[in-house]
C-alpha atoms as a PDB file:
ATOM      1  CA  UNK A   1     -20.512 -69.353  38.726  1.00  0.00           C
ATOM      2  CA  UNK A   2     -20.528 -69.157  34.936  1.00  0.00           C
ATOM      3  CA  UNK A   3     -24.316 -68.875  34.925  1.00  0.00           C
ATOM      4  CA  UNK A   4     -24.183 -65.957  37.361  1.00  0.00           C
ATOM      5  CA  UNK A   5     -21.568 -64.164  35.272  1.00  0.00           C
ATOM      6  CA  UNK A   6     -23.626 -64.710  32.111  1.00  0.00           C
ATOM      7  CA  UNK A   7     -26.768 -63.424  33.825  1.00  0.00           C
ATOM      8  CA  UNK A   8     -24.915 -60.361  35.053  1.00  0.00           C
ATOM      9  CA  UNK A   9     -23.580 -59.669  31.544  1.00  0.00           C
ATOM     10  CA  UNK A  10     -27.087 -60.001  30.093  1.00  0.00           C
ATOM     11  CA  UNK A  11     -28.380 -57.621  32.750  1.00  0.00           C
ATOM     12  CA  UNK A  12     -25.640 -55.074  31.970  1.00  0.00           C
ATOM     13  CA  UNK A  13     -26.316 -55.376  28.246  1.00  0.00           C
ATOM     14  CA  UNK A  14     -30.031 -54.760  28.738  1.00  0.00           C
ATOM     15  CA  UNK A  15     -29.323 -51.756  30.957  1.00  0.00           C
ATOM     16  CA  UNK A  16     -27.166 -50.207  28.223  1.00  0.00           C
ATOM     17  CA  UNK A  17     -29.377 -51.213  25.292  1.00  0.00           C
ATOM     18  CA  UNK A  18     -32.786 -50.150  26.617  1.00  0.00           C
ATOM     19  CA  UNK A  19     -32.144 -46.362  26.375  1.00  0.00           C
ATOM     20  CA  UNK A  20     -31.018 -46.729  22.763  1.00  0.00           C
ATOM     21  CA  UNK A  21     -34.079 -48.838  21.957  1.00  0.00           C
ATOM     22  CA  UNK A  22     -36.344 -46.050  23.232  1.00  0.00           C
ATOM     23  CA  UNK A  23     -34.301 -43.426  21.387  1.00  0.00           C
ATOM     24  CA  UNK A  24     -34.250 -45.387  18.116  1.00  0.00           C
ATOM     25  CA  UNK A  25     -37.618 -44.119  16.708  1.00  0.00           C
ATOM     26  CA  UNK A  26     -36.706 -40.461  17.339  1.00  0.00           C
ATOM     27  CA  UNK A  27     -33.183 -40.950  15.995  1.00  0.00           C
ATOM     28  CA  UNK A  28     -34.619 -42.573  12.878  1.00  0.00           C
ATOM     29  CA  UNK A  29     -37.106 -39.742  12.297  1.00  0.00           C
ATOM     30  CA  UNK A  30     -34.439 -37.098  12.972  1.00  0.00           C
ATOM     31  CA  UNK A  31     -32.008 -38.773  10.569  1.00  0.00           C
ATOM     32  CA  UNK A  32     -34.548 -39.260   7.768  1.00  0.00           C
ATOM     33  CA  UNK A  33     -36.258 -35.865   7.953  1.00  0.00           C
ATOM     34  CA  UNK A  34     -33.437 -33.598   9.212  1.00  0.00           C
ATOM     35  CA  UNK A  35     -29.950 -35.014   8.678  1.00  0.00           C
ATOM     36  CA  UNK A  36     -30.527 -36.679   5.289  1.00  0.00           C
ATOM     37  CA  UNK A  37     -32.325 -33.658   3.699  1.00  0.00           C
ATOM     38  CA  UNK A  38     -29.560 -31.381   5.021  1.00  0.00           C
ATOM     39  CA  UNK A  39     -26.887 -33.519   3.376  1.00  0.00           C
ATOM     40  CA  UNK A  40     -28.868 -33.681   0.114  1.00  0.00           C
ATOM     41  CA  UNK A  41     -29.360 -29.894   0.208  1.00  0.00           C
ATOM     42  CA  UNK A  42     -25.626 -29.309   0.611  1.00  0.00           C
ATOM     43  CA  UNK A  43     -24.935 -31.595  -2.360  1.00  0.00           C
ATOM     44  CA  UNK A  44     -27.619 -29.881  -4.469  1.00  0.00           C
ATOM     45  CA  UNK A  45     -26.071 -26.467  -3.738  1.00  0.00           C
ATOM     46  CA  UNK A  46     -23.130 -27.408  -5.991  1.00  0.00           C
ATOM     47  CA  UNK A  47     -25.349 -28.409  -8.922  1.00  0.00           C
ATOM     48  CA  UNK A  48     -27.676 -26.763 -11.445  1.00  0.00           C
ATOM     49  CA  UNK A  49     -30.627 -28.862 -10.334  1.00  0.00           C
ATOM     50  CA  UNK A  50     -34.108 -27.468 -10.939  1.00  0.00           C
ATOM     51  CA  UNK A  51     -37.472 -28.636  -9.674  1.00  0.00           C
ATOM     52  CA  UNK A  52     -38.049 -30.549 -12.902  1.00  0.00           C
ATOM     53  CA  UNK A  53     -34.588 -32.118 -13.205  1.00  0.00           C
ATOM     54  CA  UNK A  54     -35.379 -35.788 -12.920  1.00  0.00           C
ATOM     55  CA  UNK A  55     -32.025 -37.053 -14.134  1.00  0.00           C
ATOM     56  CA  UNK A  56     -28.583 -36.323 -12.768  1.00  0.00           C
ATOM     57  CA  UNK A  57     -27.816 -32.622 -12.387  1.00  0.00           C
ATOM     58  CA  UNK A  58     -24.546 -31.046 -13.513  1.00  0.00           C
ATOM     59  CA  UNK A  59     -21.857 -30.162 -10.978  1.00  0.00           C
ATOM     60  CA  UNK A  60     -21.171 -26.413 -11.210  1.00  0.00           C
ATOM     61  CA  UNK A  61     -18.978 -25.843  -8.147  1.00  0.00           C
ATOM     62  CA  UNK A  62     -19.484 -22.533  -6.341  1.00  0.00           C
ATOM     63  CA  UNK A  63     -21.463 -20.818  -9.088  1.00  0.00           C
ATOM     64  CA  UNK A  64     -24.697 -20.885  -7.070  1.00  0.00           C
ATOM     65  CA  UNK A  65     -22.956 -19.199  -4.126  1.00  0.00           C
ATOM     66  CA  UNK A  66     -21.461 -16.526  -6.365  1.00  0.00           C
ATOM     67  CA  UNK A  67     -24.852 -15.960  -7.958  1.00  0.00           C
ATOM     68  CA  UNK A  68     -26.804 -15.537  -4.719  1.00  0.00           C
ATOM     69  CA  UNK A  69     -24.430 -12.896  -3.395  1.00  0.00           C
ATOM     70  CA  UNK A  70     -25.046 -10.943  -6.590  1.00  0.00           C
ATOM     71  CA  UNK A  71     -28.811 -11.288  -6.100  1.00  0.00           C
ATOM     72  CA  UNK A  72     -30.018  -7.949  -4.743  1.00  0.00           C
ATOM     73  CA  UNK A  73     -33.312  -9.465  -3.556  1.00  0.00           C
ATOM     74  CA  UNK A  74     -31.526 -12.160  -1.540  1.00  0.00           C
ATOM     75  CA  UNK A  75     -29.224  -9.558   0.006  1.00  0.00           C
ATOM     76  CA  UNK A  76     -32.255  -7.429   0.912  1.00  0.00           C
ATOM     77  CA  UNK A  77     -34.049 -10.424   2.435  1.00  0.00           C
ATOM     78  CA  UNK A  78     -30.899 -11.320   4.386  1.00  0.00           C
ATOM     79  CA  UNK A  79     -30.578  -7.751   5.702  1.00  0.00           C
ATOM     80  CA  UNK A  80     -34.258  -7.787   6.677  1.00  0.00           C
ATOM     81  CA  UNK A  81     -33.765 -11.061   8.534  1.00  0.00           C
ATOM     82  CA  UNK A  82     -30.651  -9.981  10.414  1.00  0.00           C
ATOM     83  CA  UNK A  83     -32.357  -6.704  11.330  1.00  0.00           C
ATOM     84  CA  UNK A  84     -35.379  -8.638  12.583  1.00  0.00           C
ATOM     85  CA  UNK A  85     -33.118 -10.857  14.691  1.00  0.00           C
ATOM     86  CA  UNK A  86     -31.214  -7.909  16.173  1.00  0.00           C
ATOM     87  CA  UNK A  87     -34.463  -6.189  17.196  1.00  0.00           C
ATOM     88  CA  UNK A  88     -36.760  -9.088  18.091  1.00  0.00           C
ATOM     89  CA  UNK A  89     -34.361 -11.304  20.067  1.00  0.00           C
ATOM     90  CA  UNK A  90     -33.573  -8.689  22.788  1.00  0.00           C
ATOM     91  CA  UNK A  91     -37.239  -7.652  22.940  1.00  0.00           C
ATOM     92  CA  UNK A  92     -38.464 -11.255  23.177  1.00  0.00           C
ATOM     93  CA  UNK A  93     -35.884 -12.029  25.870  1.00  0.00           C
ATOM     94  CA  UNK A  94     -36.827  -8.957  27.917  1.00  0.00           C
ATOM     95  CA  UNK A  95     -40.597  -9.389  27.598  1.00  0.00           C
ATOM     96  CA  UNK A  96     -40.471 -13.115  28.435  1.00  0.00           C
ATOM     97  CA  UNK A  97     -38.238 -12.555  31.478  1.00  0.00           C
ATOM     98  CA  UNK A  98     -40.391  -9.645  32.679  1.00  0.00           C
ATOM     99  CA  UNK A  99     -43.591 -11.679  32.362  1.00  0.00           C
ATOM    100  CA  UNK A 100     -42.020 -14.654  34.143  1.00  0.00           C
ATOM    101  CA  UNK A 101     -40.816 -12.418  36.971  1.00  0.00           C
ATOM    102  CA  UNK A 102     -44.259 -10.840  37.403  1.00  0.00           C
ATOM    103  CA  UNK A 103     -46.072 -14.185  37.266  1.00  0.00           C
ATOM    104  CA  UNK A 104     -43.772 -15.675  39.868  1.00  0.00           C
ATOM    105  CA  UNK A 105     -45.245 -13.347  42.479  1.00  0.00           C
ATOM    106  CA  UNK A 106     -48.033 -14.699  44.749  1.00  0.00           C
ATOM    107  CA  UNK A 107     -50.947 -12.738  43.299  1.00  0.00           C
ATOM    108  CA  UNK A 108     -54.636 -13.525  43.015  1.00  0.00           C
ATOM    109  CA  UNK A 109     -55.768 -15.479  39.936  1.00  0.00           C
ATOM    110  CA  UNK A 110     -52.165 -16.412  39.163  1.00  0.00           C
ATOM    111  CA  UNK A 111     -53.099 -19.503  37.144  1.00  0.00           C
ATOM    112  CA  UNK A 112     -55.508 -17.465  35.025  1.00  0.00           C
ATOM    113  CA  UNK A 113     -52.883 -14.860  34.162  1.00  0.00           C
ATOM    114  CA  UNK A 114     -50.333 -17.526  33.280  1.00  0.00           C
ATOM    115  CA  UNK A 115     -52.864 -19.192  30.978  1.00  0.00           C
ATOM    116  CA  UNK A 116     -53.776 -15.892  29.303  1.00  0.00           C
ATOM    117  CA  UNK A 117     -50.162 -15.013  28.515  1.00  0.00           C
ATOM    118  CA  UNK A 118     -49.443 -18.529  27.255  1.00  0.00           C
ATOM    119  CA  UNK A 119     -52.627 -18.816  25.193  1.00  0.00           C
ATOM    120  CA  UNK A 120     -51.270 -17.138  21.975  1.00  0.00           C
ATOM    121  CA  UNK A 121     -48.525 -19.804  21.788  1.00  0.00           C
ATOM    122  CA  UNK A 122     -51.168 -22.453  21.095  1.00  0.00           C
ATOM    123  CA  UNK A 123     -52.489 -20.615  18.038  1.00  0.00           C
ATOM    124  CA  UNK A 124     -51.102 -21.654  14.659  1.00  0.00           C
ATOM    125  CA  UNK A 125     -48.662 -19.155  13.145  1.00  0.00           C
ATOM    126  CA  UNK A 126     -50.856 -18.999  10.036  1.00  0.00           C
ATOM    127  CA  UNK A 127     -53.898 -18.091  12.125  1.00  0.00           C
ATOM    128  CA  UNK A 128     -51.857 -15.465  13.988  1.00  0.00           C
ATOM    129  CA  UNK A 129     -50.926 -13.866  10.661  1.00  0.00           C
ATOM    130  CA  UNK A 130     -54.543 -13.829   9.517  1.00  0.00           C
ATOM    131  CA  UNK A 131     -55.724 -12.323  12.820  1.00  0.00           C
ATOM    132  CA  UNK A 132     -53.211  -9.477  12.717  1.00  0.00           C
ATOM    133  CA  UNK A 133     -53.887  -8.839   9.043  1.00  0.00           C
ATOM    134  CA  UNK A 134     -57.563  -8.443   9.891  1.00  0.00           C
ATOM    135  CA  UNK A 135     -56.646  -6.068  12.720  1.00  0.00           C
ATOM    136  CA  UNK A 136     -54.136  -3.889  10.813  1.00  0.00           C
ATOM    137  CA  UNK A 137     -54.547  -4.301   7.031  1.00  0.00           C
ATOM    138  CA  UNK A 138     -56.472  -1.778   4.989  1.00  0.00           C
ATOM    139  CA  UNK A 139     -58.444   1.379   5.685  1.00  0.00           C
ATOM    140  CA  UNK A 140     -61.292  -0.687   7.122  1.00  0.00           C
ATOM    141  CA  UNK A 141     -59.133  -2.630   9.540  1.00  0.00           C
ATOM    142  CA  UNK A 142     -60.119  -2.924  13.189  1.00  0.00           C
ATOM    143  CA  UNK A 143     -57.189  -0.689  14.123  1.00  0.00           C
ATOM    144  CA  UNK A 144     -58.237   2.045  11.703  1.00  0.00           C
ATOM    145  CA  UNK A 145     -61.925   1.855  12.623  1.00  0.00           C
ATOM    146  CA  UNK A 146     -61.027   2.086  16.330  1.00  0.00           C
ATOM    147  CA  UNK A 147     -58.873   5.169  15.743  1.00  0.00           C
ATOM    148  CA  UNK A 148     -61.638   6.731  13.652  1.00  0.00           C
ATOM    149  CA  UNK A 149     -64.188   6.129  16.415  1.00  0.00           C
ATOM    150  CA  UNK A 150     -61.830   7.584  19.025  1.00  0.00           C
ATOM    151  CA  UNK A 151     -61.295  10.635  16.793  1.00  0.00           C
ATOM    152  CA  UNK A 152     -65.044  11.150  16.471  1.00  0.00           C
ATOM    153  CA  UNK A 153     -65.464  10.926  20.241  1.00  0.00           C
ATOM    154  CA  UNK A 154     -62.757  13.539  20.851  1.00  0.00           C
ATOM    155  CA  UNK A 155     -64.296  15.760  18.174  1.00  0.00           C
ATOM    156  CA  UNK A 156     -67.772  15.458  19.723  1.00  0.00           C
ATOM    157  CA  UNK A 157     -66.526  16.760  23.080  1.00  0.00           C
ATOM    158  CA  UNK A 158     -64.548  19.550  21.426  1.00  0.00           C
ATOM    159  CA  UNK A 159     -61.011  18.418  22.215  1.00  0.00           C
ATOM    160  CA  UNK A 160     -59.903  18.301  18.561  1.00  0.00           C
ATOM    161  CA  UNK A 161     -61.152  19.920  15.375  1.00  0.00           C
ATOM    162  CA  UNK A 162     -58.849  18.517  12.697  1.00  0.00           C
ATOM    163  CA  UNK A 163     -60.331  16.042  10.197  1.00  0.00           C
ATOM    164  CA  UNK A 164     -59.498  12.359  10.599  1.00  0.00           C
ATOM    165  CA  UNK A 165     -56.651  11.051   8.468  1.00  0.00           C
ATOM    166  CA  UNK A 166     -56.227   7.380   7.650  1.00  0.00           C
ATOM    167  CA  UNK A 167     -53.922   5.619  10.101  1.00  0.00           C
ATOM    168  CA  UNK A 168     -50.798   3.759   8.928  1.00  0.00           C
ATOM    169  CA  UNK A 169     -51.542   0.431   7.266  1.00  0.00           C
ATOM    170  CA  UNK A 170     -49.514  -2.514   6.026  1.00  0.00           C
ATOM    171  CA  UNK A 171     -48.903  -0.603   2.794  1.00  0.00           C
ATOM    172  CA  UNK A 172     -46.374   1.429   4.798  1.00  0.00           C
ATOM    173  CA  UNK A 173     -43.086  -0.495   4.900  1.00  0.00           C
ATOM    174  CA  UNK A 174     -41.974   0.720   8.332  1.00  0.00           C
ATOM    175  CA  UNK A 175     -45.376   0.162   9.883  1.00  0.00           C
ATOM    176  CA  UNK A 176     -45.538  -3.334   8.355  1.00  0.00           C
ATOM    177  CA  UNK A 177     -42.077  -4.204   9.700  1.00  0.00           C
ATOM    178  CA  UNK A 178     -42.942  -2.981  13.204  1.00  0.00           C
ATOM    179  CA  UNK A 179     -46.246  -4.854  13.019  1.00  0.00           C
ATOM    180  CA  UNK A 180     -44.415  -8.095  12.220  1.00  0.00           C
ATOM    181  CA  UNK A 181     -42.174  -7.609  15.268  1.00  0.00           C
ATOM    182  CA  UNK A 182     -45.198  -6.952  17.465  1.00  0.00           C
ATOM    183  CA  UNK A 183     -47.079  -9.992  16.136  1.00  0.00           C
ATOM    184  CA  UNK A 184     -44.075 -12.240  16.801  1.00  0.00           C
ATOM    185  CA  UNK A 185     -43.750 -10.895  20.351  1.00  0.00           C
ATOM    186  CA  UNK A 186     -47.461 -11.358  21.002  1.00  0.00           C
ATOM    187  CA  UNK A 187     -47.557 -14.920  19.717  1.00  0.00           C
ATOM    188  CA  UNK A 188     -44.253 -16.309  21.047  1.00  0.00           C
ATOM    189  CA  UNK A 189     -43.340 -14.516  24.279  1.00  0.00           C
ATOM    190  CA  UNK A 190     -45.485 -16.880  26.331  1.00  0.00           C
ATOM    191  CA  UNK A 191     -43.440 -19.889  25.266  1.00  0.00           C
ATOM    192  CA  UNK A 192     -40.172 -18.425  26.510  1.00  0.00           C
ATOM    193  CA  UNK A 193     -41.953 -17.039  29.558  1.00  0.00           C
ATOM    194  CA  UNK A 194     -42.635 -20.630  30.643  1.00  0.00           C
ATOM    195  CA  UNK A 195     -38.938 -21.520  30.313  1.00  0.00           C
ATOM    196  CA  UNK A 196     -37.936 -18.541  32.442  1.00  0.00           C
ATOM    197  CA  UNK A 197     -40.721 -19.236  34.930  1.00  0.00           C
ATOM    198  CA  UNK A 198     -39.511 -22.815  35.446  1.00  0.00           C
ATOM    199  CA  UNK A 199     -35.978 -21.510  36.044  1.00  0.00           C
ATOM    200  CA  UNK A 200     -37.153 -18.823  38.468  1.00  0.00           C
ATOM    201  CA  UNK A 201     -39.227 -21.280  40.490  1.00  0.00           C
ATOM    202  CA  UNK A 202     -36.179 -23.542  40.887  1.00  0.00           C
ATOM    203  CA  UNK A 203     -34.156 -20.839  42.699  1.00  0.00           C
ATOM    204  CA  UNK A 204     -33.991 -21.607  46.449  1.00  0.00           C
ATOM    205  CA  UNK A 205     -35.776 -19.018  48.571  1.00  0.00           C
ATOM    206  CA  UNK A 206     -32.874 -19.147  51.039  1.00  0.00           C
ATOM    207  CA  UNK A 207     -30.754 -17.174  48.562  1.00  0.00           C
ATOM    208  CA  UNK A 208     -33.249 -14.316  48.594  1.00  0.00           C
ATOM    209  CA  UNK A 209     -33.542 -14.490  52.375  1.00  0.00           C
ATOM    210  CA  UNK A 210     -29.761 -14.273  52.744  1.00  0.00           C
ATOM    211  CA  UNK A 211     -29.586 -11.343  50.317  1.00  0.00           C
ATOM    212  CA  UNK A 212     -32.384  -9.549  52.171  1.00  0.00           C
ATOM    213  CA  UNK A 213     -30.591 -10.029  55.481  1.00  0.00           C
ATOM    214  CA  UNK A 214     -27.498  -8.445  53.915  1.00  0.00           C
ATOM    215  CA  UNK A 215     -29.584  -5.383  53.041  1.00  0.00           C
ATOM    216  CA  UNK A 216     -29.989  -6.027  49.302  1.00  0.00           C
ATOM    217  CA  UNK A 217     -32.843  -4.180  47.614  1.00  0.00           C
ATOM    218  CA  UNK A 218     -35.326  -5.922  45.259  1.00  0.00           C
ATOM    219  CA  UNK A 219     -33.359  -4.727  42.255  1.00  0.00           C
ATOM    220  CA  UNK A 220     -30.068  -5.938  43.749  1.00  0.00           C
ATOM    221  CA  UNK A 221     -31.645  -9.310  44.505  1.00  0.00           C
ATOM    222  CA  UNK A 222     -32.759  -9.544  40.893  1.00  0.00           C
ATOM    223  CA  UNK A 223     -29.333  -8.446  39.611  1.00  0.00           C
ATOM    224  CA  UNK A 224     -27.093 -10.555  41.838  1.00  0.00           C
ATOM    225  CA  UNK A 225     -29.299 -13.544  42.702  1.00  0.00           C
ATOM    226  CA  UNK A 226     -31.929 -14.068  40.011  1.00  0.00           C
ATOM    227  CA  UNK A 227     -29.902 -13.326  36.868  1.00  0.00           C
ATOM    228  CA  UNK A 228     -26.871 -15.531  37.745  1.00  0.00           C
ATOM    229  CA  UNK A 229     -29.146 -18.361  38.932  1.00  0.00           C
ATOM    230  CA  UNK A 230     -30.977 -18.660  35.589  1.00  0.00           C
ATOM    231  CA  UNK A 231     -27.917 -18.570  33.338  1.00  0.00           C
ATOM    232  CA  UNK A 232     -28.701 -21.889  31.641  1.00  0.00           C
ATOM    233  CA  UNK A 233     -32.247 -20.723  30.854  1.00  0.00           C
ATOM    234  CA  UNK A 234     -30.957 -17.394  29.544  1.00  0.00           C
ATOM    235  CA  UNK A 235     -28.561 -19.047  27.114  1.00  0.00           C
ATOM    236  CA  UNK A 236     -31.162 -21.556  25.956  1.00  0.00           C
ATOM    237  CA  UNK A 237     -33.777 -18.852  25.358  1.00  0.00           C
ATOM    238  CA  UNK A 238     -31.336 -16.681  23.410  1.00  0.00           C
ATOM    239  CA  UNK A 239     -30.356 -19.587  21.145  1.00  0.00           C
ATOM    240  CA  UNK A 240     -33.946 -20.790  20.631  1.00  0.00           C
ATOM    241  CA  UNK A 241     -35.276 -17.292  19.879  1.00  0.00           C
ATOM    242  CA  UNK A 242     -32.428 -16.603  17.451  1.00  0.00           C
ATOM    243  CA  UNK A 243     -33.058 -19.831  15.560  1.00  0.00           C
ATOM    244  CA  UNK A 244     -36.813 -19.225  15.483  1.00  0.00           C
ATOM    245  CA  UNK A 245     -36.557 -15.681  14.150  1.00  0.00           C
ATOM    246  CA  UNK A 246     -34.104 -16.707  11.436  1.00  0.00           C
ATOM    247  CA  UNK A 247     -36.565 -19.287  10.124  1.00  0.00           C
ATOM    248  CA  UNK A 248     -39.726 -17.178  10.509  1.00  0.00           C
ATOM    249  CA  UNK A 249     -42.078 -17.895   7.599  1.00  0.00           C
ATOM    250  CA  UNK A 250     -45.792 -18.827   8.009  1.00  0.00           C
ATOM    251  CA  UNK A 251     -46.747 -15.851  10.184  1.00  0.00           C
ATOM    252  CA  UNK A 252     -45.128 -13.316   7.844  1.00  0.00           C
ATOM    253  CA  UNK A 253     -46.477 -14.873   4.640  1.00  0.00           C
ATOM    254  CA  UNK A 254     -50.072 -14.803   5.883  1.00  0.00           C
ATOM    255  CA  UNK A 255     -49.662 -11.410   7.570  1.00  0.00           C
ATOM    256  CA  UNK A 256     -47.844  -9.216   5.043  1.00  0.00           C
ATOM    257  CA  UNK A 257     -46.877 -11.616   2.236  1.00  0.00           C
ATOM    258  CA  UNK A 258     -43.407 -10.094   2.347  1.00  0.00           C
ATOM    259  CA  UNK A 259     -44.645  -6.679   1.283  1.00  0.00           C
ATOM    260  CA  UNK A 260     -44.884  -3.858   0.768  1.00  0.00           C
ATOM    261  CA  UNK A 261     -42.093  -3.772  -1.806  1.00  0.00           C
ATOM    262  CA  UNK A 262     -40.229  -6.631  -0.036  1.00  0.00           C
ATOM    263  CA  UNK A 263     -39.993  -4.621   3.194  1.00  0.00           C
ATOM    264  CA  UNK A 264     -40.974  -7.693   5.224  1.00  0.00           C
ATOM    265  CA  UNK A 265     -39.590 -10.393   2.940  1.00  0.00           C
ATOM    266  CA  UNK A 266     -37.197 -12.582   4.910  1.00  0.00           C
ATOM    267  CA  UNK A 267     -34.744 -15.223   3.783  1.00  0.00           C
ATOM    268  CA  UNK A 268     -36.884 -18.333   4.309  1.00  0.00           C
ATOM    269  CA  UNK A 269     -39.669 -16.862   2.186  1.00  0.00           C
ATOM    270  CA  UNK A 270     -37.227 -15.924  -0.564  1.00  0.00           C
ATOM    271  CA  UNK A 271     -35.622 -19.390  -0.473  1.00  0.00           C
ATOM    272  CA  UNK A 272     -39.069 -20.970  -0.778  1.00  0.00           C
ATOM    273  CA  UNK A 273     -39.944 -18.773  -3.753  1.00  0.00           C
ATOM    274  CA  UNK A 274     -36.613 -19.522  -5.428  1.00  0.00           C
ATOM    275  CA  UNK A 275     -37.261 -23.251  -5.100  1.00  0.00           C
ATOM    276  CA  UNK A 276     -40.986 -23.537  -5.824  1.00  0.00           C
ATOM    277  CA  UNK A 277     -41.782 -20.395  -7.808  1.00  0.00           C
ATOM    278  CA  UNK A 278     -38.663 -20.090  -9.917  1.00  0.00           C
ATOM    279  CA  UNK A 279     -37.818 -23.848  -9.645  1.00  0.00           C
ATOM    280  CA  UNK A 280     -34.100 -23.207  -8.940  1.00  0.00           C
ATOM    281  CA  UNK A 281     -33.447 -25.985  -6.427  1.00  0.00           C
ATOM    282  CA  UNK A 282     -29.649 -25.708  -6.638  1.00  0.00           C
ATOM    283  CA  UNK A 283     -29.655 -21.973  -5.990  1.00  0.00           C
ATOM    284  CA  UNK A 284     -32.215 -22.304  -3.185  1.00  0.00           C
ATOM    285  CA  UNK A 285     -30.065 -25.025  -1.608  1.00  0.00           C
ATOM    286  CA  UNK A 286     -27.052 -22.708  -1.677  1.00  0.00           C
ATOM    287  CA  UNK A 287     -29.114 -20.036   0.088  1.00  0.00           C
ATOM    288  CA  UNK A 288     -30.152 -22.603   2.692  1.00  0.00           C
ATOM    289  CA  UNK A 289     -26.516 -23.550   3.321  1.00  0.00           C
ATOM    290  CA  UNK A 290     -25.614 -19.882   3.789  1.00  0.00           C
ATOM    291  CA  UNK A 291     -28.480 -19.524   6.260  1.00  0.00           C
ATOM    292  CA  UNK A 292     -27.336 -22.655   8.089  1.00  0.00           C
ATOM    293  CA  UNK A 293     -23.846 -21.169   8.477  1.00  0.00           C
ATOM    294  CA  UNK A 294     -25.223 -17.829   9.699  1.00  0.00           C
ATOM    295  CA  UNK A 295     -27.625 -19.388  12.228  1.00  0.00           C
ATOM    296  CA  UNK A 296     -24.923 -21.755  13.494  1.00  0.00           C
ATOM    297  CA  UNK A 297     -22.523 -18.823  13.844  1.00  0.00           C
ATOM    298  CA  UNK A 298     -25.002 -16.740  15.836  1.00  0.00           C
ATOM    299  CA  UNK A 299     -25.859 -19.685  18.100  1.00  0.00           C
ATOM    300  CA  UNK A 300     -22.176 -20.511  18.557  1.00  0.00           C
ATOM    301  CA  UNK A 301     -21.336 -16.925  19.506  1.00  0.00           C
ATOM    302  CA  UNK A 302     -24.086 -16.932  22.143  1.00  0.00           C
ATOM    303  CA  UNK A 303     -23.035 -20.315  23.541  1.00  0.00           C
ATOM    304  CA  UNK A 304     -19.284 -19.704  23.677  1.00  0.00           C
ATOM    305  CA  UNK A 305     -19.758 -16.182  25.044  1.00  0.00           C
ATOM    306  CA  UNK A 306     -21.712 -17.660  27.932  1.00  0.00           C
ATOM    307  CA  UNK A 307     -19.007 -20.287  28.532  1.00  0.00           C
ATOM    308  CA  UNK A 308     -16.287 -17.628  28.488  1.00  0.00           C
ATOM    309  CA  UNK A 309     -18.202 -15.533  30.991  1.00  0.00           C
ATOM    310  CA  UNK A 310     -18.566 -18.622  33.174  1.00  0.00           C
ATOM    311  CA  UNK A 311     -14.811 -19.273  33.114  1.00  0.00           C
ATOM    312  CA  UNK A 312     -14.030 -15.696  34.027  1.00  0.00           C
END
């Protein structure tokens, strides 16, 4: 009897321990490369540490936080970032959901279209920035040459007679900012499209059949069946997009470099420059902590708003 009890206890122990054994490598990597650096960054934000401070840095309290909120360039970068989030997140959400809805329909060459829309996701953000810089930057960009050729064609058939003027380039702050938004949408919408597509395909067809029998139109089916059924996917996409846009860096640096005149300089780029160009590790850490609080706040608002709507 004792042997059976001992064997059962060993079996129960193995059943509980095996999941943690498989999780251990990921937990170790997450702790070493995410949790530990975050804790060190928070500690550094209260010191005057620089990139070349090899000894112990001096504790200076909240001076770094006071200093960054007096930094006009940081405030500008923060405003640029929040503006980018407010514009890009709704657009990304809408485009991804629209693409997923269209690619859920039984059309010819469906797999091909899904692959085409997902293909930009597989391209490195750095390469995306270089591609769009080649397309839009300078008077001899592909965009400008195409417009010039179109102008010549219209002139040759007598539709227009005005001389060609150079199209907007990345030297125009507004055009550069809009171009960044477009490049982000082009390169990342496919990723969130897949999340929405998986959620849409999991909705039972019987719900649509019941709604159709009740006389619901296609729009009403989308409004009262599709949208409520993919609530978990909607919340997840909103949180993931928000976090991604807040930390946007490689695409923008290779695309516009933050210019012109800091029009497309966002917080992550400015934090990087503060740390590795101006060597102010303590001040850069304080900026990172502020960004962590802002991103957590935005994500929390989205999450708890969805829970409140669920309770109501």
